[in-house]
Amino acid sequence: MPIECRLSTILGARRLKQADLIRATGLAKATVTDLYYDRAKRIDFATLEKLCKALNCQPGDLLVFVPDEEQGR
């Protein structure tokens, strides 16, 4: 997929667990898990807003466009 979710990288750098983020945002475990493992097919703006507020980041920090030739690294 040309859009990658960098949630796992951000949580790892901050030494946070998925459970910490779930508690902070109130998001469903399945939602956070899909984003963490970059399996999500779409993201709701309300979800993106909650993540950005909880992690004090911008949408561009979480979601990155990766051209097809760069995928699979």
Protein backbone atom coordinates (compact mmCIF):
# COMPACT_ATOMS: atom_id res chain seq x y z
CA MET A 1 0.00 0.00 0.00
CA PRO A 2 1.49 3.39 -0.92
CA ILE A 3 0.43 4.97 2.39
CA GLU A 4 2.25 3.61 5.44
CA CYS A 5 1.17 4.08 9.03
CA ARG A 6 4.14 4.79 11.27
CA LEU A 7 2.30 4.27 14.56
CA SER A 8 4.54 1.41 15.67
CA THR A 9 7.65 3.53 15.07
CA ILE A 10 6.23 6.46 17.04
CA LEU A 11 5.10 4.29 19.95
CA GLY A 12 8.46 2.50 20.03
CA ALA A 13 10.41 5.76 20.05
CA ARG A 14 8.30 6.99 22.98
CA ARG A 15 8.37 3.63 24.75
CA LEU A 16 4.60 3.46 24.78
CA LYS A 17 2.45 0.37 24.44
CA GLN A 18 -0.70 -0.02 22.41
CA ALA A 19 -2.61 -0.28 25.69
CA ASP A 20 -1.30 3.16 26.74
CA LEU A 21 -2.61 4.66 23.51
CA ILE A 22 -5.95 2.86 23.81
CA ARG A 23 -6.42 4.29 27.31
CA ALA A 24 -5.41 7.79 26.21
CA THR A 25 -7.66 7.89 23.14
CA GLY A 26 -10.58 5.60 23.90
CA LEU A 27 -10.09 3.95 20.51
CA ALA A 28 -10.97 0.30 20.01
CA LYS A 29 -8.16 -2.20 20.45
CA ALA A 30 -8.78 -3.55 16.94
CA THR A 31 -8.41 -0.06 15.45
CA VAL A 32 -5.10 0.61 17.19
CA THR A 33 -3.80 -2.88 16.39
CA ASP A 34 -4.61 -2.54 12.68
CA LEU A 35 -2.88 0.84 12.54
CA TYR A 36 0.09 -0.43 14.57
CA TYR A 37 0.69 -3.33 12.17
CA ASP A 38 -0.04 -1.14 9.12
CA ARG A 39 -3.05 -3.27 8.15
CA ALA A 40 -5.67 -0.51 8.10
CA LYS A 41 -7.31 0.19 4.76
CA ARG A 42 -8.73 3.56 5.85
CA ILE A 43 -8.69 5.94 8.79
CA ASP A 44 -11.48 8.16 10.04
CA PHE A 45 -10.62 11.84 10.63
CA ALA A 46 -11.91 11.56 14.22
CA THR A 47 -9.51 8.65 14.81
CA LEU A 48 -6.64 10.58 13.26
CA GLU A 49 -7.46 13.59 15.45
CA LYS A 50 -7.45 11.47 18.62
CA LEU A 51 -4.10 9.93 17.70
CA CYS A 52 -2.53 13.30 16.90
CA LYS A 53 -3.78 14.82 20.17
CA ALA A 54 -2.62 11.87 22.28
CA LEU A 55 0.80 11.68 20.61
CA ASN A 56 1.22 15.44 20.11
CA CYS A 57 2.05 14.95 16.44
CA GLN A 58 0.85 15.87 12.97
CA PRO A 59 -1.01 13.58 10.55
CA GLY A 60 2.10 13.56 8.35
CA ASP A 61 4.06 12.03 11.22
CA LEU A 62 1.65 9.08 11.33
CA LEU A 63 0.87 8.60 7.66
CA VAL A 64 3.59 8.65 5.00
CA PHE A 65 3.28 8.24 1.24
CA VAL A 66 5.76 5.68 -0.06
CA PRO A 67 6.02 5.30 -3.85
CA ASP A 68 5.63 1.72 -5.12
CA GLU A 69 9.34 1.24 -5.88
CA GLU A 70 10.26 2.02 -2.25
CA GLN A 71 7.82 -0.45 -0.69
CA GLY A 72 8.99 -3.67 0.87
CA ARG A 73 11.95 -2.35 2.79
